[in-house]
Structure formats: structure tokens, C-alpha cells
Amino acid sequence: MPREPIRLEGFNNLTKIVSFNLYDFAVARTQSERDSYIAYLHEHFSGPRITQILSEIARIIDAEVLSASTQDYDPYGASSLVLMSDLGHGQVVGADGKVGPGQPNAKVAASVAAHLTKSHLCAHTYPDVLDPRGICTFRVDIDIATCGTIVPLRALDYMFQSFENDVVIIDYVVRGFTRDTEGNRVYMDHTVRSIQDFIDPKVLANYECEDLALPSQNIWQTKMMRTDLDPAQYFAPGVDPFDPQSRELLGLIKREMAGIYYSLPN
């Protein structure tokens, strides 16, 4: 049964970490198809675009963006790091002197306590288009590390909306402690039965799911593998997804998905 909220006082130094690891697959059989796929990734998942996604995650979990660092890679891939704090703590001063979240080269104003900068979001993308069979893999890692009362699991639905997800592995770990009004240590300030409880049931309906829960250690994991596959989504426009070669390649994608989901060898 869910327990009543615990009244807290003083600084809550619980550290809550969500790791959202996703895999998305596509087929690119020719150099032209590979070039088109890479162009698509550059357009939709460049460093600045990833930063926008992280900034929206911060808004959803009621955190304030303090600064952001973005990097694109050659030939492909991107990284982003966003520093954040609980919403409303202090001000952010940009290089141009303007105040507010999201300013370029922003620095935290002196009024913000140092511990607030321990909350951050980071993302890295790992495209792979070198498989000789034509199976392309796009992997994204997103880590949300928060301090205090923020519950980062609230952003999961938005992450599913932001990416195509064939296989997803989500880890949630809570570390540190706070104290109740009587000074007793509290190692968990919210109730978690399963990570799935924080995901829209309409999303869950498209996946096979498997949970690992160690509540005594404040550790949870949910693995998800898409079961509702639309063959046309895995091929370039104009390719018949139902011809014999396409069916074979779709079978390879399903095998790749199962290998990741069940941790199988090649």
C-alpha cells in the first residue's frame, strides 16, 4: 500500500538516478539509403536537438536549466550535458549578461548554493550504419541525476515520445538519505513499486516488459521490447517491406532486438 508523504525539513540529499538506454533499428541496403538515414539522424538528433529534449525533461520534472554543453561528432553522433537545480533556486547569468535559464555559456549566480549543481542531465547517441547486412542501429543513453525532492521518473513518457524505441532498458537507483522532522534517516521519500507505473499504459501495450526490483536496496530495472512492429517503418521510402529480402532483414532486426533484450550472444 502507498504510504503517506513524509514531512521533511532541511536539505534533502537523496540522489535519484534514471538511466534510459534505448535502441532503434532501421534497414539501409545501399549507400544512398545509408546517407539518407545519417541525414535523418543529423536533422532530428543533432547536439542542439538533444539539448532541447534534455531542457524539456528538466521542465517536466520541475528543474531549472543552469547551463548546457553540446557536442556533435564526425561522422555522426552527438552529446549533451545540462546542469540543473530545483526550480526557482537562484538565477542564471549568461555570457551576454542576460538572466534566465538556457542562456549561452551560462554561469550560476553566486546566490545559488554549490550543492544545487549536483543535478544534471546528459545524453549520448551512438549511430551504427556499418553492418554489412544493412542493419542500422541507433542507440541513445540518457542519464538524469537529481538531488532533493525531484522524481526523474516523471519524464519517461516524454522520452518515449521523443524517440523511436525498439528496445528500452531503464534503471532507477536512489542513494543517500535525508532526515524526517525527528532527525531519523530516511533513505526513500517516495513510493516505487515498478518503473512501469510511471509509463503510460498505451505505451506499455506495445512492448513485452520484464522487471527487476530490489526495493530493499532502492534499485529497479525495467526492460522493454517492442512487439507491435510496422514493417514499413524499418525501410527507406519506396522499398517493399514484404518482399522476400525485406522479410529476411526484418527477421534479423527481430533477432537483434531479442539479443539485446535477453542479453544473448551473437
Protein backbone atom coordinates (compact mmCIF):
# COMPACT_ATOMS: atom_id res chain seq x y z
CA MET A 1 0.00 0.00 0.00
CA PRO A 2 1.30 3.51 -0.80
CA ARG A 3 2.42 5.24 2.34
CA GLU A 4 1.58 8.80 3.32
CA PRO A 5 4.08 11.51 2.32
CA ILE A 6 6.82 12.04 4.92
CA ARG A 7 7.20 15.57 6.23
CA LEU A 8 10.82 16.61 5.67
CA GLU A 9 12.87 19.55 6.85
CA GLY A 10 16.34 20.79 5.94
CA PHE A 11 18.27 19.79 2.82
CA ASN A 12 17.16 16.55 1.15
CA ASN A 13 20.36 14.95 -0.18
CA LEU A 14 18.77 11.89 -1.73
CA THR A 15 20.33 11.27 -5.15
CA LYS A 16 17.92 9.77 -7.69
CA ILE A 17 19.36 8.47 -10.95
CA VAL A 18 17.43 7.31 -14.02
CA SER A 19 19.35 5.68 -16.88
CA PHE A 20 17.28 5.43 -20.07
CA ASN A 21 19.01 3.28 -22.68
CA LEU A 22 17.19 2.79 -25.98
CA TYR A 23 17.85 1.02 -29.28
CA ASP A 24 16.13 1.79 -32.57
CA PHE A 25 16.70 -0.21 -35.77
CA ALA A 26 16.41 0.51 -39.48
CA VAL A 27 17.48 -1.08 -42.77
CA ALA A 28 19.81 0.68 -45.24
CA ARG A 29 20.88 -1.68 -48.02
CA THR A 30 22.62 0.83 -50.31
CA GLN A 31 25.00 3.73 -49.79
CA SER A 32 22.21 6.11 -50.82
CA GLU A 33 19.92 4.67 -48.13
CA ARG A 34 22.71 4.93 -45.54
CA ASP A 35 23.36 8.56 -46.47
CA SER A 36 19.66 9.31 -46.17
CA TYR A 37 19.49 7.63 -42.76
CA ILE A 38 22.51 9.57 -41.48
CA ALA A 39 20.98 12.83 -42.77
CA TYR A 40 17.79 11.98 -40.87
CA LEU A 41 19.77 11.44 -37.65
CA HIS A 42 21.64 14.74 -38.12
CA GLU A 43 18.36 16.57 -38.59
CA HIS A 44 16.42 15.07 -35.71
CA PHE A 45 19.08 14.11 -33.16
CA SER A 46 21.92 16.63 -33.50
CA GLY A 47 23.59 18.06 -30.41
CA PRO A 48 21.29 21.14 -30.26
CA ARG A 49 18.20 18.98 -30.74
CA ILE A 50 19.29 16.60 -27.97
CA THR A 51 19.83 19.64 -25.73
CA GLN A 52 16.26 20.77 -26.45
CA ILE A 53 15.00 17.35 -25.40
CA LEU A 54 17.00 17.49 -22.16
CA SER A 55 15.77 21.00 -21.44
CA GLU A 56 12.18 19.84 -21.82
CA ILE A 57 12.90 16.94 -19.46
CA ALA A 58 14.13 19.49 -16.91
CA ARG A 59 10.89 21.46 -17.30
CA ILE A 60 8.76 18.33 -16.85
CA ILE A 61 10.48 17.37 -13.59
CA ASP A 62 10.30 20.97 -12.28
CA ALA A 63 14.01 21.69 -12.56
CA GLU A 64 15.73 24.83 -13.81
CA VAL A 65 18.40 24.69 -16.53
CA LEU A 66 21.57 26.38 -15.28
CA SER A 67 23.90 25.70 -18.20
CA ALA A 68 24.23 23.42 -21.23
CA SER A 69 27.12 21.98 -23.22
CA THR A 70 26.61 20.40 -26.65
CA GLN A 71 28.90 18.47 -28.98
CA ASP A 72 28.35 16.93 -32.44
CA TYR A 73 30.76 14.31 -33.77
CA ASP A 74 32.17 13.50 -37.20
CA PRO A 75 30.91 11.43 -38.98
CA TYR A 76 27.85 11.13 -36.71
CA GLY A 77 26.69 11.12 -33.12
CA ALA A 78 26.13 13.79 -30.51
CA SER A 79 26.40 14.50 -26.79
CA SER A 80 24.75 17.00 -24.48
CA LEU A 81 25.17 17.88 -20.80
CA VAL A 82 22.67 20.04 -18.93
CA LEU A 83 23.28 21.31 -15.41
CA MET A 84 20.11 21.96 -13.43
CA SER A 85 18.69 22.73 -9.99
CA ASP A 86 15.32 22.65 -8.25
CA LEU A 87 13.04 25.16 -9.97
CA GLY A 88 13.27 28.65 -8.50
CA HIS A 89 16.67 28.33 -6.80
CA GLY A 90 18.77 31.35 -7.73
CA GLN A 91 19.37 32.93 -11.11
CA VAL A 92 21.37 32.08 -14.21
CA VAL A 93 23.59 34.69 -15.82
CA GLY A 94 24.59 34.21 -19.47
CA ALA A 95 27.78 35.40 -21.16
CA ASP A 96 25.79 38.34 -22.57
CA GLY A 97 24.70 39.40 -19.10
CA LYS A 98 21.09 38.28 -19.53
CA VAL A 99 19.43 36.47 -16.68
CA GLY A 100 17.41 33.29 -17.11
CA PRO A 101 17.69 29.57 -17.88
CA GLY A 102 19.11 28.48 -21.20
CA GLN A 103 21.43 31.47 -21.70
CA PRO A 104 24.55 30.74 -23.83
CA ASN A 105 27.61 29.83 -21.76
CA ALA A 106 25.51 30.44 -18.69
CA LYS A 107 27.05 30.51 -15.23
CA VAL A 108 25.27 30.04 -11.91
CA ALA A 109 24.84 33.26 -9.99
CA ALA A 110 26.66 33.44 -6.67
CA SER A 111 23.37 33.22 -4.77
CA VAL A 112 22.92 29.59 -5.83
CA ALA A 113 24.32 27.14 -3.30
CA ALA A 114 27.05 24.84 -4.61
CA HIS A 115 25.12 21.66 -3.90
CA LEU A 116 22.45 22.60 -6.44
CA THR A 117 24.85 21.92 -9.31
CA LYS A 118 24.92 18.22 -8.44
CA SER A 119 21.77 17.67 -10.51
CA HIS A 120 22.32 17.09 -14.21
CA LEU A 121 21.06 15.53 -17.41
CA CYS A 122 23.30 14.02 -20.07
CA ALA A 123 22.71 12.22 -23.35
CA HIS A 124 24.91 10.44 -25.89
CA THR A 125 23.89 9.00 -29.25
CA TYR A 126 25.60 6.03 -30.91
CA PRO A 127 24.58 5.51 -34.56
CA ASP A 128 25.91 2.41 -36.35
CA VAL A 129 25.49 2.08 -40.12
CA LEU A 130 28.44 -0.24 -40.81
CA ASP A 131 26.72 -3.63 -40.54
CA PRO A 132 27.36 -5.33 -43.92
CA ARG A 133 23.86 -6.83 -43.85
CA GLY A 134 22.36 -3.33 -43.85
CA ILE A 135 21.02 -3.36 -40.28
CA CYS A 136 21.39 0.14 -38.79
CA THR A 137 21.32 0.66 -35.04
CA PHE A 138 20.68 3.97 -33.28
CA ARG A 139 21.38 3.82 -29.56
CA VAL A 140 20.73 6.67 -27.12
CA ASP A 141 21.77 6.86 -23.47
CA ILE A 142 20.06 9.45 -21.26
CA ASP A 143 21.03 9.84 -17.62
CA ILE A 144 19.09 12.01 -15.18
CA ALA A 145 20.75 12.58 -11.80
CA THR A 146 18.82 14.70 -9.32
CA CYS A 147 19.17 15.75 -5.71
CA GLY A 148 16.34 16.67 -3.38
CA THR A 149 12.66 16.08 -3.91
CA ILE A 150 12.65 15.80 -7.74
CA VAL A 151 11.39 12.43 -9.05
CA PRO A 152 13.00 11.98 -12.50
CA LEU A 153 10.75 9.04 -13.43
CA ARG A 154 8.08 11.61 -14.29
CA ALA A 155 9.89 12.30 -17.59
CA LEU A 156 9.68 8.76 -19.00
CA ASP A 157 6.60 9.32 -21.17
CA TYR A 158 8.24 12.32 -22.84
CA MET A 159 11.34 10.25 -23.63
CA PHE A 160 9.17 7.64 -25.34
CA GLN A 161 7.55 10.44 -27.36
CA SER A 162 10.94 11.91 -28.37
CA PHE A 163 12.50 8.77 -29.84
CA GLU A 164 11.60 5.63 -31.76
CA ASN A 165 12.19 2.77 -29.34
CA ASP A 166 12.54 -0.89 -30.29
CA VAL A 167 14.32 -1.98 -27.12
CA VAL A 168 14.46 0.07 -23.92
CA ILE A 169 16.33 -0.61 -20.69
CA ILE A 170 15.53 1.71 -17.77
CA ASP A 171 17.42 1.67 -14.47
CA TYR A 172 16.46 3.64 -11.37
CA VAL A 173 18.67 3.93 -8.29
CA VAL A 174 18.23 6.06 -5.17
CA ARG A 175 21.21 6.78 -2.92
CA GLY A 176 21.99 8.97 0.08
CA PHE A 177 19.49 9.93 2.78
CA THR A 178 17.52 12.79 4.23
CA ARG A 179 16.01 13.20 7.70
CA ASP A 180 12.48 13.41 8.97
CA THR A 181 11.31 16.05 11.47
CA GLU A 182 12.55 13.90 14.35
CA GLY A 183 16.06 13.60 12.88
CA ASN A 184 15.75 9.99 11.72
CA ARG A 185 17.42 8.95 8.47
CA VAL A 186 15.07 8.42 5.50
CA TYR A 187 16.51 6.53 2.53
CA MET A 188 13.45 6.84 0.26
CA ASP A 189 10.99 9.73 0.10
CA HIS A 190 8.54 8.35 -2.49
CA THR A 191 6.93 5.03 -3.37
CA VAL A 192 8.16 2.93 -6.30
CA ARG A 193 6.68 -0.48 -6.99
CA SER A 194 7.74 -0.74 -10.62
CA ILE A 195 9.16 1.66 -13.20
CA GLN A 196 6.23 0.60 -15.39
CA ASP A 197 3.89 2.51 -13.05
CA PHE A 198 5.44 5.73 -14.39
CA ILE A 199 4.83 4.86 -18.08
CA ASP A 200 1.60 5.46 -19.99
CA PRO A 201 -0.30 2.14 -20.30
CA LYS A 202 -0.84 2.93 -24.01
CA VAL A 203 2.95 2.87 -24.43
CA LEU A 204 3.37 -0.30 -22.39
CA ALA A 205 0.80 -2.07 -24.58
CA ASN A 206 3.31 -2.04 -27.46
CA TYR A 207 6.05 -3.84 -25.53
CA GLU A 208 6.99 -7.05 -23.81
CA CYS A 209 8.23 -5.96 -20.38
CA GLU A 210 10.36 -7.54 -17.67
CA ASP A 211 11.07 -6.09 -14.23
CA LEU A 212 13.90 -6.44 -11.75
CA ALA A 213 13.14 -4.92 -8.36
CA LEU A 214 15.36 -4.76 -5.27
CA PRO A 215 13.33 -2.33 -3.13
CA SER A 216 15.39 -3.04 -0.04
CA GLN A 217 18.38 -1.68 -1.97
CA ASN A 218 16.39 1.07 -3.76
CA ILE A 219 17.22 -0.45 -7.18
CA TRP A 220 14.74 -1.03 -10.02
CA GLN A 221 15.09 -2.03 -13.67
CA THR A 222 12.57 -2.44 -16.46
CA LYS A 223 13.44 -3.96 -19.86
CA MET A 224 11.09 -3.44 -22.80
CA MET A 225 11.00 -4.96 -26.31
CA ARG A 226 8.58 -3.75 -28.96
CA THR A 227 6.07 -6.39 -30.05
CA ASP A 228 3.93 -4.21 -32.34
CA LEU A 229 6.24 -3.85 -35.38
CA ASP A 230 5.18 -1.98 -38.51
CA PRO A 231 7.48 -3.40 -41.25
CA ALA A 232 7.28 -0.22 -43.34
CA GLN A 233 8.91 1.84 -40.56
CA TYR A 234 12.20 -0.06 -40.89
CA PHE A 235 12.82 0.54 -44.59
CA ALA A 236 13.55 3.52 -46.81
CA PRO A 237 10.63 5.06 -48.73
CA GLY A 238 9.83 3.11 -51.88
CA VAL A 239 11.16 -0.22 -50.56
CA ASP A 240 8.64 -3.05 -50.43
CA PRO A 241 8.78 -4.25 -46.79
CA PHE A 242 7.08 -7.51 -47.74
CA ASP A 243 9.38 -8.79 -50.48
CA PRO A 244 11.50 -11.85 -49.56
CA GLN A 245 14.70 -9.90 -48.90
CA SER A 246 12.87 -7.35 -46.73
CA ARG A 247 11.20 -10.11 -44.74
CA GLU A 248 14.60 -11.69 -44.12
CA LEU A 249 16.07 -8.38 -42.96
CA LEU A 250 13.12 -7.73 -40.67
CA GLY A 251 13.76 -11.16 -39.17
CA LEU A 252 17.36 -10.11 -38.49
CA ILE A 253 16.11 -6.97 -36.75
CA LYS A 254 13.84 -9.06 -34.53
CA ARG A 255 16.81 -11.26 -33.71
CA GLU A 256 18.92 -8.21 -32.80
CA MET A 257 16.13 -6.94 -30.58
CA ALA A 258 15.80 -10.26 -28.79
CA GLY A 259 19.57 -10.49 -28.36
CA ILE A 260 19.67 -7.16 -26.53
CA TYR A 261 16.50 -7.81 -24.52
CA TYR A 262 17.56 -11.26 -23.33
CA SER A 263 21.33 -10.47 -23.22
CA LEU A 264 22.05 -13.25 -25.75
CA PRO A 265 25.39 -13.74 -27.54
CA ASN A 266 25.58 -13.04 -31.29
